[in-house]
Amino acid sequence: MKINAIILAASTAFGIAALPAVHAAEEKTTIEKTGDYLSDAAITTKIKAALMAEDDLKSAGVHVETSNGVVSLSGNVTSDASVALAESVTRDIAGVKEVHNNLIVAAQ
């Protein structure tokens, strides 16, 4: 009987002691997700700025989405050269892991 009481007391103590560690792990996961989101937003912003700096792409309707460093380009451009340029500019941005180029050459 005393052994059961000791085991119950010990497991309760360890359970309570473990709660802060579990809570800290949950907070870290949330922080990492928020950090990832901010990094994706920063990558998207850098890509858009770099695309706007290119004369051939300045007026193009290139849409940029980033998720976990994977960038998707979509929209219409005026030539195959613009498709290649947009992808090249995107690949040169720090943090870009992969590029999905879904740009379409539209008739002018």
PDB file of N, CA and C in Angstrom:
ATOM      1  N   MET A   1       0.809  -1.176   0.000  1.00  0.00           N
ATOM      2  CA  MET A   1       0.000   0.000   0.000  1.00  0.00           C
ATOM      3  C   MET A   1       0.867   1.261   0.000  1.00  0.00           C
ATOM      4  N   LYS A   2       1.899   1.260   0.881  1.00  0.00           N
ATOM      5  CA  LYS A   2       2.784   2.419   0.930  1.00  0.00           C
ATOM      6  C   LYS A   2       3.542   2.577  -0.389  1.00  0.00           C
ATOM      7  N   ILE A   3       3.884   1.449  -1.013  1.00  0.00           N
ATOM      8  CA  ILE A   3       4.618   1.506  -2.280  1.00  0.00           C
ATOM      9  C   ILE A   3       3.753   2.156  -3.352  1.00  0.00           C
ATOM     10  N   ASN A   4       2.476   1.809  -3.402  1.00  0.00           N
ATOM     11  CA  ASN A   4       1.570   2.427  -4.367  1.00  0.00           C
ATOM     12  C   ASN A   4       1.459   3.921  -4.128  1.00  0.00           C
ATOM     13  N   ALA A   5       1.401   4.320  -2.884  1.00  0.00           N
ATOM     14  CA  ALA A   5       1.314   5.742  -2.549  1.00  0.00           C
ATOM     15  C   ALA A   5       2.578   6.468  -2.987  1.00  0.00           C
ATOM     16  N   ILE A   6       3.730   5.830  -2.776  1.00  0.00           N
ATOM     17  CA  ILE A   6       5.000   6.441  -3.184  1.00  0.00           C
ATOM     18  C   ILE A   6       5.070   6.545  -4.705  1.00  0.00           C
ATOM     19  N   ILE A   7       4.675   5.480  -5.413  1.00  0.00           N
ATOM     20  CA  ILE A   7       4.686   5.507  -6.877  1.00  0.00           C
ATOM     21  C   ILE A   7       3.744   6.574  -7.402  1.00  0.00           C
ATOM     22  N   LEU A   8       2.551   6.659  -6.817  1.00  0.00           N
ATOM     23  CA  LEU A   8       1.579   7.672  -7.226  1.00  0.00           C
ATOM     24  C   LEU A   8       2.136   9.071  -6.989  1.00  0.00           C
ATOM     25  N   ALA A   9       2.744   9.280  -5.820  1.00  0.00           N
ATOM     26  CA  ALA A   9       3.316  10.592  -5.500  1.00  0.00           C
ATOM     27  C   ALA A   9       4.455  10.937  -6.450  1.00  0.00           C
ATOM     28  N   ALA A  10       5.300   9.950  -6.737  1.00  0.00           N
ATOM     29  CA  ALA A  10       6.440  10.187  -7.628  1.00  0.00           C
ATOM     30  C   ALA A  10       5.976  10.486  -9.048  1.00  0.00           C
ATOM     31  N   SER A  11       5.009   9.713  -9.541  1.00  0.00           N
ATOM     32  CA  SER A  11       4.541   9.949 -10.906  1.00  0.00           C
ATOM     33  C   SER A  11       3.822  11.284 -11.010  1.00  0.00           C
ATOM     34  N   THR A  12       3.116  11.663  -9.959  1.00  0.00           N
ATOM     35  CA  THR A  12       2.453  12.972  -9.958  1.00  0.00           C
ATOM     36  C   THR A  12       3.500  14.076  -9.986  1.00  0.00           C
ATOM     37  N   ALA A  13       4.539  13.925  -9.190  1.00  0.00           N
ATOM     38  CA  ALA A  13       5.599  14.926  -9.158  1.00  0.00           C
ATOM     39  C   ALA A  13       6.287  15.035 -10.513  1.00  0.00           C
ATOM     40  N   PHE A  14       6.588  13.890 -11.116  1.00  0.00           N
ATOM     41  CA  PHE A  14       7.234  13.921 -12.423  1.00  0.00           C
ATOM     42  C   PHE A  14       6.296  14.477 -13.483  1.00  0.00           C
ATOM     43  N   GLY A  15       5.022  14.164 -13.382  1.00  0.00           N
ATOM     44  CA  GLY A  15       4.043  14.684 -14.341  1.00  0.00           C
ATOM     45  C   GLY A  15       3.968  16.190 -14.294  1.00  0.00           C
ATOM     46  N   ILE A  16       3.949  16.719 -13.089  1.00  0.00           N
ATOM     47  CA  ILE A  16       3.903  18.171 -12.935  1.00  0.00           C
ATOM     48  C   ILE A  16       5.209  18.786 -13.415  1.00  0.00           C
ATOM     49  N   ALA A  17       6.321  18.145 -13.101  1.00  0.00           N
ATOM     50  CA  ALA A  17       7.613  18.666 -13.532  1.00  0.00           C
ATOM     51  C   ALA A  17       7.736  18.640 -15.054  1.00  0.00           C
ATOM     52  N   ALA A  18       7.076  17.682 -15.707  1.00  0.00           N
ATOM     53  CA  ALA A  18       7.179  17.564 -17.158  1.00  0.00           C
ATOM     54  C   ALA A  18       6.316  18.582 -17.881  1.00  0.00           C
ATOM     55  N   LEU A  19       5.299  19.106 -17.219  1.00  0.00           N
ATOM     56  CA  LEU A  19       4.399  20.055 -17.886  1.00  0.00           C
ATOM     57  C   LEU A  19       5.115  21.277 -18.455  1.00  0.00           C
ATOM     58  N   PRO A  20       6.012  21.921 -17.709  1.00  0.00           N
ATOM     59  CA  PRO A  20       6.715  23.067 -18.312  1.00  0.00           C
ATOM     60  C   PRO A  20       7.497  22.688 -19.558  1.00  0.00           C
ATOM     61  N   ALA A  21       8.101  21.506 -19.564  1.00  0.00           N
ATOM     62  CA  ALA A  21       8.866  21.077 -20.736  1.00  0.00           C
ATOM     63  C   ALA A  21       7.946  20.860 -21.934  1.00  0.00           C
ATOM     64  N   VAL A  22       6.776  20.257 -21.700  1.00  0.00           N
ATOM     65  CA  VAL A  22       5.817  20.050 -22.788  1.00  0.00           C
ATOM     66  C   VAL A  22       5.335  21.387 -23.306  1.00  0.00           C
ATOM     67  N   HIS A  23       5.027  22.303 -22.396  1.00  0.00           N
ATOM     68  CA  HIS A  23       4.546  23.629 -22.795  1.00  0.00           C
ATOM     69  C   HIS A  23       5.626  24.368 -23.599  1.00  0.00           C
ATOM     70  N   ALA A  24       6.877  24.258 -23.166  1.00  0.00           N
ATOM     71  CA  ALA A  24       7.974  24.919 -23.884  1.00  0.00           C
ATOM     72  C   ALA A  24       8.113  24.348 -25.291  1.00  0.00           C
ATOM     73  N   ALA A  25       7.944  23.038 -25.437  1.00  0.00           N
ATOM     74  CA  ALA A  25       8.034  22.416 -26.763  1.00  0.00           C
ATOM     75  C   ALA A  25       6.917  22.916 -27.657  1.00  0.00           C
ATOM     76  N   GLU A  26       5.713  23.080 -27.103  1.00  0.00           N
ATOM     77  CA  GLU A  26       4.597  23.595 -27.895  1.00  0.00           C
ATOM     78  C   GLU A  26       4.871  25.024 -28.332  1.00  0.00           C
ATOM     79  N   GLU A  27       5.423  25.848 -27.436  1.00  0.00           N
ATOM     80  CA  GLU A  27       5.741  27.229 -27.785  1.00  0.00           C
ATOM     81  C   GLU A  27       6.803  27.281 -28.869  1.00  0.00           C
ATOM     82  N   LYS A  28       7.813  26.422 -28.783  1.00  0.00           N
ATOM     83  CA  LYS A  28       8.878  26.404 -29.778  1.00  0.00           C
ATOM     84  C   LYS A  28       8.316  26.079 -31.152  1.00  0.00           C
ATOM     85  N   THR A  29       7.407  25.129 -31.228  1.00  0.00           N
ATOM     86  CA  THR A  29       6.795  24.767 -32.496  1.00  0.00           C
ATOM     87  C   THR A  29       6.075  25.971 -33.090  1.00  0.00           C
ATOM     88  N   THR A  30       5.341  26.683 -32.269  1.00  0.00           N
ATOM     89  CA  THR A  30       4.624  27.871 -32.737  1.00  0.00           C
ATOM     90  C   THR A  30       5.599  28.937 -33.209  1.00  0.00           C
ATOM     91  N   ILE A  31       6.657  29.145 -32.451  1.00  0.00           N
ATOM     92  CA  ILE A  31       7.648  30.151 -32.819  1.00  0.00           C
ATOM     93  C   ILE A  31       8.327  29.770 -34.123  1.00  0.00           C
ATOM     94  N   GLU A  32       8.688  28.497 -34.277  1.00  0.00           N
ATOM     95  CA  GLU A  32       9.329  28.061 -35.518  1.00  0.00           C
ATOM     96  C   GLU A  32       8.401  28.269 -36.696  1.00  0.00           C
ATOM     97  N   LYS A  33       7.129  27.960 -36.550  1.00  0.00           N
ATOM     98  CA  LYS A  33       6.183  28.162 -37.645  1.00  0.00           C
ATOM     99  C   LYS A  33       6.073  29.636 -37.983  1.00  0.00           C
ATOM    100  N   THR A  34       6.019  30.493 -36.966  1.00  0.00           N
ATOM    101  CA  THR A  34       5.956  31.927 -37.204  1.00  0.00           C
ATOM    102  C   THR A  34       7.227  32.400 -37.885  1.00  0.00           C
ATOM    103  N   GLY A  35       8.379  31.917 -37.444  1.00  0.00           N
ATOM    104  CA  GLY A  35       9.646  32.275 -38.061  1.00  0.00           C
ATOM    105  C   GLY A  35       9.713  31.836 -39.507  1.00  0.00           C
ATOM    106  N   ASP A  36       9.198  30.638 -39.794  1.00  0.00           N
ATOM    107  CA  ASP A  36       9.165  30.148 -41.167  1.00  0.00           C
ATOM    108  C   ASP A  36       8.297  31.055 -42.019  1.00  0.00           C
ATOM    109  N   TYR A  37       7.154  31.454 -41.473  1.00  0.00           N
ATOM    110  CA  TYR A  37       6.246  32.312 -42.221  1.00  0.00           C
ATOM    111  C   TYR A  37       6.913  33.630 -42.533  1.00  0.00           C
ATOM    112  N   LEU A  38       7.595  34.211 -41.555  1.00  0.00           N
ATOM    113  CA  LEU A  38       8.263  35.482 -41.786  1.00  0.00           C
ATOM    114  C   LEU A  38       9.386  35.328 -42.804  1.00  0.00           C
ATOM    115  N   SER A  39      10.098  34.221 -42.761  1.00  0.00           N
ATOM    116  CA  SER A  39      11.153  33.996 -43.739  1.00  0.00           C
ATOM    117  C   SER A  39      10.573  33.879 -45.144  1.00  0.00           C
ATOM    118  N   ASP A  40       9.458  33.193 -45.286  1.00  0.00           N
ATOM    119  CA  ASP A  40       8.806  33.074 -46.585  1.00  0.00           C
ATOM    120  C   ASP A  40       8.347  34.444 -47.078  1.00  0.00           C
ATOM    121  N   ALA A  41       7.808  35.240 -46.177  1.00  0.00           N
ATOM    122  CA  ALA A  41       7.363  36.579 -46.556  1.00  0.00           C
ATOM    123  C   ALA A  41       8.550  37.435 -46.997  1.00  0.00           C
ATOM    124  N   ALA A  42       9.660  37.303 -46.294  1.00  0.00           N
ATOM    125  CA  ALA A  42      10.859  38.069 -46.664  1.00  0.00           C
ATOM    126  C   ALA A  42      11.388  37.617 -48.018  1.00  0.00           C
ATOM    127  N   ILE A  43      11.378  36.318 -48.270  1.00  0.00           N
ATOM    128  CA  ILE A  43      11.833  35.795 -49.566  1.00  0.00           C
ATOM    129  C   ILE A  43      10.941  36.334 -50.677  1.00  0.00           C
ATOM    130  N   THR A  44       9.633  36.280 -50.470  1.00  0.00           N
ATOM    131  CA  THR A  44       8.686  36.780 -51.481  1.00  0.00           C
ATOM    132  C   THR A  44       8.936  38.251 -51.767  1.00  0.00           C
ATOM    133  N   THR A  45       9.146  39.036 -50.722  1.00  0.00           N
ATOM    134  CA  THR A  45       9.398  40.473 -50.887  1.00  0.00           C
ATOM    135  C   THR A  45      10.673  40.721 -51.672  1.00  0.00           C
ATOM    136  N   LYS A  46      11.732  39.980 -51.355  1.00  0.00           N
ATOM    137  CA  LYS A  46      13.001  40.137 -52.075  1.00  0.00           C
ATOM    138  C   LYS A  46      12.858  39.760 -53.543  1.00  0.00           C
ATOM    139  N   ILE A  47      12.107  38.703 -53.814  1.00  0.00           N
ATOM    140  CA  ILE A  47      11.905  38.283 -55.205  1.00  0.00           C
ATOM    141  C   ILE A  47      11.131  39.341 -55.973  1.00  0.00           C
ATOM    142  N   LYS A  48      10.062  39.837 -55.395  1.00  0.00           N
ATOM    143  CA  LYS A  48       9.258  40.860 -56.077  1.00  0.00           C
ATOM    144  C   LYS A  48      10.094  42.101 -56.375  1.00  0.00           C
ATOM    145  N   ALA A  49      10.924  42.499 -55.426  1.00  0.00           N
ATOM    146  CA  ALA A  49      11.789  43.663 -55.647  1.00  0.00           C
ATOM    147  C   ALA A  49      12.788  43.389 -56.765  1.00  0.00           C
ATOM    148  N   ALA A  50      13.368  42.198 -56.775  1.00  0.00           N
ATOM    149  CA  ALA A  50      14.342  41.838 -57.809  1.00  0.00           C
ATOM    150  C   ALA A  50      13.682  41.772 -59.185  1.00  0.00           C
ATOM    151  N   LEU A  51      12.467  41.248 -59.245  1.00  0.00           N
ATOM    152  CA  LEU A  51      11.746  41.179 -60.524  1.00  0.00           C
ATOM    153  C   LEU A  51      11.407  42.579 -61.033  1.00  0.00           C
ATOM    154  N   MET A  52      11.018  43.462 -60.118  1.00  0.00           N
ATOM    155  CA  MET A  52      10.682  44.841 -60.518  1.00  0.00           C
ATOM    156  C   MET A  52      11.917  45.611 -60.998  1.00  0.00           C
ATOM    157  N   ALA A  53      13.091  45.202 -60.554  1.00  0.00           N
ATOM    158  CA  ALA A  53      14.332  45.866 -60.976  1.00  0.00           C
ATOM    159  C   ALA A  53      14.724  45.492 -62.402  1.00  0.00           C
ATOM    160  N   GLU A  54      14.121  44.443 -62.941  1.00  0.00           N
ATOM    161  CA  GLU A  54      14.412  44.001 -64.310  1.00  0.00           C
ATOM    162  C   GLU A  54      13.457  44.696 -65.281  1.00  0.00           C
ATOM    163  N   ASP A  55      14.005  45.441 -66.235  1.00  0.00           N
ATOM    164  CA  ASP A  55      13.177  46.187 -67.191  1.00  0.00           C
ATOM    165  C   ASP A  55      12.194  45.289 -67.938  1.00  0.00           C
ATOM    166  N   ASP A  56      12.642  44.106 -68.322  1.00  0.00           N
ATOM    167  CA  ASP A  56      11.781  43.195 -69.087  1.00  0.00           C
ATOM    168  C   ASP A  56      10.644  42.615 -68.255  1.00  0.00           C
ATOM    169  N   LEU A  57      10.764  42.687 -66.940  1.00  0.00           N
ATOM    170  CA  LEU A  57       9.747  42.095 -66.075  1.00  0.00           C
ATOM    171  C   LEU A  57       8.964  43.129 -65.277  1.00  0.00           C
ATOM    172  N   LYS A  58       9.376  44.378 -65.365  1.00  0.00           N
ATOM    173  CA  LYS A  58       8.788  45.446 -64.541  1.00  0.00           C
ATOM    174  C   LYS A  58       7.276  45.532 -64.684  1.00  0.00           C
ATOM    175  N   SER A  59       6.778  45.432 -65.907  1.00  0.00           N
ATOM    176  CA  SER A  59       5.336  45.583 -66.120  1.00  0.00           C
ATOM    177  C   SER A  59       4.616  44.241 -66.210  1.00  0.00           C
ATOM    178  N   ALA A  60       5.356  43.155 -66.048  1.00  0.00           N
ATOM    179  CA  ALA A  60       4.751  41.818 -66.153  1.00  0.00           C
ATOM    180  C   ALA A  60       3.917  41.519 -64.919  1.00  0.00           C
ATOM    181  N   GLY A  61       2.910  40.702 -65.121  1.00  0.00           N
ATOM    182  CA  GLY A  61       2.057  40.305 -64.010  1.00  0.00           C
ATOM    183  C   GLY A  61       2.550  39.016 -63.387  1.00  0.00           C
ATOM    184  N   VAL A  62       3.724  39.056 -62.756  1.00  0.00           N
ATOM    185  CA  VAL A  62       4.289  37.863 -62.142  1.00  0.00           C
ATOM    186  C   VAL A  62       3.826  37.805 -60.687  1.00  0.00           C
ATOM    187  N   HIS A  63       3.190  36.708 -60.342  1.00  0.00           N
ATOM    188  CA  HIS A  63       2.740  36.488 -58.965  1.00  0.00           C
ATOM    189  C   HIS A  63       3.731  35.548 -58.293  1.00  0.00           C
ATOM    190  N   VAL A  64       4.060  35.860 -57.049  1.00  0.00           N
ATOM    191  CA  VAL A  64       5.061  35.089 -56.316  1.00  0.00           C
ATOM    192  C   VAL A  64       4.446  34.572 -55.015  1.00  0.00           C
ATOM    193  N   GLU A  65       4.580  33.275 -54.791  1.00  0.00           N
ATOM    194  CA  GLU A  65       4.163  32.664 -53.531  1.00  0.00           C
ATOM    195  C   GLU A  65       5.306  31.803 -53.028  1.00  0.00           C
ATOM    196  N   THR A  66       5.544  31.859 -51.709  1.00  0.00           N
ATOM    197  CA  THR A  66       6.634  31.090 -51.115  1.00  0.00           C
ATOM    198  C   THR A  66       6.108  30.288 -49.934  1.00  0.00           C
ATOM    199  N   SER A  67       6.493  29.014 -49.887  1.00  0.00           N
ATOM    200  CA  SER A  67       6.129  28.156 -48.767  1.00  0.00           C
ATOM    201  C   SER A  67       7.317  27.272 -48.426  1.00  0.00           C
ATOM    202  N   ASN A  68       7.862  27.485 -47.239  1.00  0.00           N
ATOM    203  CA  ASN A  68       9.035  26.726 -46.787  1.00  0.00           C
ATOM    204  C   ASN A  68      10.200  26.834 -47.763  1.00  0.00           C
ATOM    205  N   GLY A  69      10.387  28.007 -48.341  1.00  0.00           N
ATOM    206  CA  GLY A  69      11.492  28.237 -49.266  1.00  0.00           C
ATOM    207  C   GLY A  69      11.244  27.785 -50.686  1.00  0.00           C
ATOM    208  N   VAL A  70      10.091  27.161 -50.931  1.00  0.00           N
ATOM    209  CA  VAL A  70       9.729  26.733 -52.285  1.00  0.00           C
ATOM    210  C   VAL A  70       8.881  27.843 -52.905  1.00  0.00           C
ATOM    211  N   VAL A  71       9.359  28.382 -54.011  1.00  0.00           N
ATOM    212  CA  VAL A  71       8.719  29.533 -54.644  1.00  0.00           C
ATOM    213  C   VAL A  71       7.938  29.094 -55.874  1.00  0.00           C
ATOM    214  N   SER A  72       6.713  29.597 -55.991  1.00  0.00           N
ATOM    215  CA  SER A  72       5.892  29.368 -57.177  1.00  0.00           C
ATOM    216  C   SER A  72       5.706  30.693 -57.895  1.00  0.00           C
ATOM    217  N   LEU A  73       6.075  30.706 -59.172  1.00  0.00           N
ATOM    218  CA  LEU A  73       5.866  31.881 -60.015  1.00  0.00           C
ATOM    219  C   LEU A  73       4.682  31.591 -60.927  1.00  0.00           C
ATOM    220  N   SER A  74       3.784  32.544 -61.047  1.00  0.00           N
ATOM    221  CA  SER A  74       2.653  32.374 -61.955  1.00  0.00           C
ATOM    222  C   SER A  74       2.309  33.722 -62.569  1.00  0.00           C
ATOM    223  N   GLY A  75       1.522  33.667 -63.627  1.00  0.00           N
ATOM    224  CA  GLY A  75       1.120  34.893 -64.308  1.00  0.00           C
ATOM    225  C   GLY A  75       1.562  34.879 -65.757  1.00  0.00           C
ATOM    226  N   ASN A  76       1.455  36.038 -66.374  1.00  0.00           N
ATOM    227  CA  ASN A  76       1.769  36.175 -67.799  1.00  0.00           C
ATOM    228  C   ASN A  76       2.979  37.067 -68.020  1.00  0.00           C
ATOM    229  N   VAL A  77       3.829  36.653 -68.949  1.00  0.00           N
ATOM    230  CA  VAL A  77       4.974  37.461 -69.381  1.00  0.00           C
ATOM    231  C   VAL A  77       4.939  37.541 -70.909  1.00  0.00           C
ATOM    232  N   THR A  78       5.825  38.329 -71.463  1.00  0.00           N
ATOM    233  CA  THR A  78       5.759  38.604 -72.900  1.00  0.00           C
ATOM    234  C   THR A  78       6.609  37.692 -73.770  1.00  0.00           C
ATOM    235  N   SER A  79       7.542  36.927 -73.177  1.00  0.00           N
ATOM    236  CA  SER A  79       8.418  36.095 -74.013  1.00  0.00           C
ATOM    237  C   SER A  79       8.998  34.930 -73.210  1.00  0.00           C
ATOM    238  N   ASP A  80       9.541  33.972 -73.951  1.00  0.00           N
ATOM    239  CA  ASP A  80      10.233  32.860 -73.304  1.00  0.00           C
ATOM    240  C   ASP A  80      11.450  33.358 -72.527  1.00  0.00           C
ATOM    241  N   ALA A  81      12.082  34.396 -73.054  1.00  0.00           N
ATOM    242  CA  ALA A  81      13.240  34.978 -72.361  1.00  0.00           C
ATOM    243  C   ALA A  81      12.826  35.543 -71.001  1.00  0.00           C
ATOM    244  N   SER A  82      11.642  36.129 -70.930  1.00  0.00           N
ATOM    245  CA  SER A  82      11.141  36.663 -69.660  1.00  0.00           C
ATOM    246  C   SER A  82      10.844  35.550 -68.663  1.00  0.00           C
ATOM    247  N   VAL A  83      10.355  34.416 -69.161  1.00  0.00           N
ATOM    248  CA  VAL A  83      10.112  33.249 -68.298  1.00  0.00           C
ATOM    249  C   VAL A  83      11.436  32.812 -67.671  1.00  0.00           C
ATOM    250  N   ALA A  84      12.461  32.675 -68.511  1.00  0.00           N
ATOM    251  CA  ALA A  84      13.780  32.237 -68.035  1.00  0.00           C
ATOM    252  C   ALA A  84      14.401  33.268 -67.092  1.00  0.00           C
ATOM    253  N   LEU A  85      14.253  34.549 -67.414  1.00  0.00           N
ATOM    254  CA  LEU A  85      14.819  35.610 -66.580  1.00  0.00           C
ATOM    255  C   LEU A  85      14.165  35.616 -65.197  1.00  0.00           C
ATOM    256  N   ALA A  86      12.851  35.492 -65.158  1.00  0.00           N
ATOM    257  CA  ALA A  86      12.143  35.488 -63.876  1.00  0.00           C
ATOM    258  C   ALA A  86      12.615  34.324 -63.010  1.00  0.00           C
ATOM    259  N   GLU A  87      12.784  33.168 -63.620  1.00  0.00           N
ATOM    260  CA  GLU A  87      13.247  32.009 -62.860  1.00  0.00           C
ATOM    261  C   GLU A  87      14.682  32.206 -62.373  1.00  0.00           C
ATOM    262  N   SER A  88      15.529  32.731 -63.219  1.00  0.00           N
ATOM    263  CA  SER A  88      16.929  32.967 -62.856  1.00  0.00           C
ATOM    264  C   SER A  88      17.043  33.962 -61.704  1.00  0.00           C
ATOM    265  N   VAL A  89      16.305  35.051 -61.807  1.00  0.00           N
ATOM    266  CA  VAL A  89      16.311  36.076 -60.753  1.00  0.00           C
ATOM    267  C   VAL A  89      15.834  35.463 -59.443  1.00  0.00           C
ATOM    268  N   THR A  90      14.798  34.647 -59.513  1.00  0.00           N
ATOM    269  CA  THR A  90      14.234  34.014 -58.318  1.00  0.00           C
ATOM    270  C   THR A  90      15.234  33.063 -57.676  1.00  0.00           C
ATOM    271  N   ARG A  91      15.903  32.255 -58.487  1.00  0.00           N
ATOM    272  CA  ARG A  91      16.878  31.289 -57.954  1.00  0.00           C
ATOM    273  C   ARG A  91      18.047  31.968 -57.259  1.00  0.00           C
ATOM    274  N   ASP A  92      18.361  33.206 -57.639  1.00  0.00           N
ATOM    275  CA  ASP A  92      19.492  33.935 -57.058  1.00  0.00           C
ATOM    276  C   ASP A  92      19.190  34.524 -55.678  1.00  0.00           C
ATOM    277  N   ILE A  93      17.943  34.462 -55.236  1.00  0.00           N
ATOM    278  CA  ILE A  93      17.572  35.039 -53.943  1.00  0.00           C
ATOM    279  C   ILE A  93      17.914  34.055 -52.827  1.00  0.00           C
ATOM    280  N   ALA A  94      18.565  34.554 -51.796  1.00  0.00           N
ATOM    281  CA  ALA A  94      18.927  33.717 -50.646  1.00  0.00           C
ATOM    282  C   ALA A  94      17.674  33.143 -49.993  1.00  0.00           C
ATOM    283  N   GLY A  95      17.733  31.875 -49.647  1.00  0.00           N
ATOM    284  CA  GLY A  95      16.615  31.223 -48.976  1.00  0.00           C
ATOM    285  C   GLY A  95      15.712  30.435 -49.897  1.00  0.00           C
ATOM    286  N   VAL A  96      15.866  30.641 -51.220  1.00  0.00           N
ATOM    287  CA  VAL A  96      15.043  29.909 -52.188  1.00  0.00           C
ATOM    288  C   VAL A  96      15.611  28.497 -52.323  1.00  0.00           C
ATOM    289  N   LYS A  97      14.771  27.511 -52.032  1.00  0.00           N
ATOM    290  CA  LYS A  97      15.199  26.113 -52.122  1.00  0.00           C
ATOM    291  C   LYS A  97      14.827  25.496 -53.462  1.00  0.00           C
ATOM    292  N   GLU A  98      13.716  25.938 -54.019  1.00  0.00           N
ATOM    293  CA  GLU A  98      13.197  25.338 -55.251  1.00  0.00           C
ATOM    294  C   GLU A  98      12.285  26.363 -55.912  1.00  0.00           C
ATOM    295  N   VAL A  99      12.194  26.313 -57.242  1.00  0.00           N
ATOM    296  CA  VAL A  99      11.317  27.226 -57.987  1.00  0.00           C
ATOM    297  C   VAL A  99      10.381  26.419 -58.868  1.00  0.00           C
ATOM    298  N   HIS A 100       9.100  26.685 -58.739  1.00  0.00           N
ATOM    299  CA  HIS A 100       8.088  26.118 -59.638  1.00  0.00           C
ATOM    300  C   HIS A 100       7.674  27.253 -60.566  1.00  0.00           C
ATOM    301  N   ASN A 101       8.114  27.169 -61.812  1.00  0.00           N
ATOM    302  CA  ASN A 101       7.857  28.244 -62.763  1.00  0.00           C
ATOM    303  C   ASN A 101       6.618  27.889 -63.587  1.00  0.00           C
ATOM    304  N   ASN A 102       5.522  28.556 -63.283  1.00  0.00           N
ATOM    305  CA  ASN A 102       4.252  28.352 -63.991  1.00  0.00           C
ATOM    306  C   ASN A 102       3.877  29.571 -64.833  1.00  0.00           C
ATOM    307  N   LEU A 103       4.889  30.338 -65.235  1.00  0.00           N
ATOM    308  CA  LEU A 103       4.642  31.534 -66.047  1.00  0.00           C
ATOM    309  C   LEU A 103       4.207  31.135 -67.443  1.00  0.00           C
ATOM    310  N   ILE A 104       3.336  31.948 -68.006  1.00  0.00           N
ATOM    311  CA  ILE A 104       2.802  31.700 -69.345  1.00  0.00           C
ATOM    312  C   ILE A 104       3.172  32.871 -70.237  1.00  0.00           C
ATOM    313  N   VAL A 105       3.628  32.540 -71.460  1.00  0.00           N
ATOM    314  CA  VAL A 105       3.908  33.579 -72.448  1.00  0.00           C
ATOM    315  C   VAL A 105       2.572  33.948 -73.108  1.00  0.00           C
ATOM    316  N   ALA A 106       2.166  35.181 -72.888  1.00  0.00           N
ATOM    317  CA  ALA A 106       0.892  35.661 -73.425  1.00  0.00           C
ATOM    318  C   ALA A 106       1.141  36.504 -74.656  1.00  0.00           C
ATOM    319  N   ALA A 107       0.236  36.403 -75.622  1.00  0.00           N
ATOM    320  CA  ALA A 107       0.331  37.227 -76.837  1.00  0.00           C
ATOM    321  C   ALA A 107       0.117  38.683 -76.460  1.00  0.00           C
ATOM    322  N   GLN A 108       0.867  39.536 -77.123  1.00  0.00           N
ATOM    323  CA  GLN A 108       0.746  40.993 -76.816  1.00  0.00           C
ATOM    324  C   GLN A 108      -0.347  41.636 -77.590  1.00  0.00           C
TER     325      GLN A 108
END
